[in-house]
Amino acid sequence: MDIKYLKGVGEKRAEAFSKIGINTLDDFLNFIPRAYINKN
């Protein structure tokens, strides 16, 4: 399933996800960020 068809994800957000390699629902569920921002 293409990520742009998920509720809350439109064309612009799907384009942003595509830039980091997330194009399908499976890509989204298996995505593990490499770094986190600590806001303490």
C-alpha atoms as a PDB file:
ATOM      1  CA  MET A   1       0.000   0.000   0.000  1.00  0.00           C
ATOM      2  CA  ASP A   2       1.318   3.409  -0.948  1.00  0.00           C
ATOM      3  CA  ILE A   3       1.867   5.661   2.080  1.00  0.00           C
ATOM      4  CA  LYS A   4      -0.046   8.623   0.610  1.00  0.00           C
ATOM      5  CA  TYR A   5      -3.325   6.704   0.971  1.00  0.00           C
ATOM      6  CA  LEU A   6      -3.054   6.502   4.764  1.00  0.00           C
ATOM      7  CA  LYS A   7      -5.303   8.816   6.767  1.00  0.00           C
ATOM      8  CA  GLY A   8      -3.412  11.975   7.685  1.00  0.00           C
ATOM      9  CA  VAL A   9      -0.777  11.553   4.981  1.00  0.00           C
ATOM     10  CA  GLY A  10      -1.285  13.677   1.906  1.00  0.00           C
ATOM     11  CA  GLU A  11       0.792  14.425  -1.148  1.00  0.00           C
ATOM     12  CA  LYS A  12       3.244  16.787   0.579  1.00  0.00           C
ATOM     13  CA  ARG A  13       3.877  14.525   3.579  1.00  0.00           C
ATOM     14  CA  ALA A  14       4.228  11.498   1.291  1.00  0.00           C
ATOM     15  CA  GLU A  15       6.837  13.441  -0.671  1.00  0.00           C
ATOM     16  CA  ALA A  16       8.750  14.203   2.555  1.00  0.00           C
ATOM     17  CA  PHE A  17       8.626  10.522   3.558  1.00  0.00           C
ATOM     18  CA  SER A  18       9.849   9.573   0.108  1.00  0.00           C
ATOM     19  CA  LYS A  19      12.976  11.700   0.591  1.00  0.00           C
ATOM     20  CA  ILE A  20      14.014   9.500   3.530  1.00  0.00           C
ATOM     21  CA  GLY A  21      13.145   6.259   1.754  1.00  0.00           C
ATOM     22  CA  ILE A  22       9.636   5.566   3.068  1.00  0.00           C
ATOM     23  CA  ASN A  23       7.294   4.786   0.175  1.00  0.00           C
ATOM     24  CA  THR A  24       5.056   1.987   1.447  1.00  0.00           C
ATOM     25  CA  LEU A  25       3.301   1.062   4.672  1.00  0.00           C
ATOM     26  CA  ASP A  26       5.856  -1.712   5.197  1.00  0.00           C
ATOM     27  CA  ASP A  27       8.715   0.806   4.884  1.00  0.00           C
ATOM     28  CA  PHE A  28       6.999   3.016   7.474  1.00  0.00           C
ATOM     29  CA  LEU A  29       6.476   0.194   9.980  1.00  0.00           C
ATOM     30  CA  ASN A  30      10.064  -1.043   9.655  1.00  0.00           C
ATOM     31  CA  PHE A  31      11.714   2.390   9.791  1.00  0.00           C
ATOM     32  CA  ILE A  32      14.133   2.819  12.696  1.00  0.00           C
ATOM     33  CA  PRO A  33      15.614   6.327  13.119  1.00  0.00           C
ATOM     34  CA  ARG A  34      19.401   6.523  13.404  1.00  0.00           C
ATOM     35  CA  ALA A  35      19.426   9.435  15.859  1.00  0.00           C
ATOM     36  CA  TYR A  36      17.148  11.117  18.354  1.00  0.00           C
ATOM     37  CA  ILE A  37      16.945  14.727  19.547  1.00  0.00           C
ATOM     38  CA  ASN A  38      17.124  15.066  23.311  1.00  0.00           C
ATOM     39  CA  LYS A  39      15.099  18.142  24.289  1.00  0.00           C
ATOM     40  CA  ASN A  40      15.992  18.193  28.003  1.00  0.00           C
END
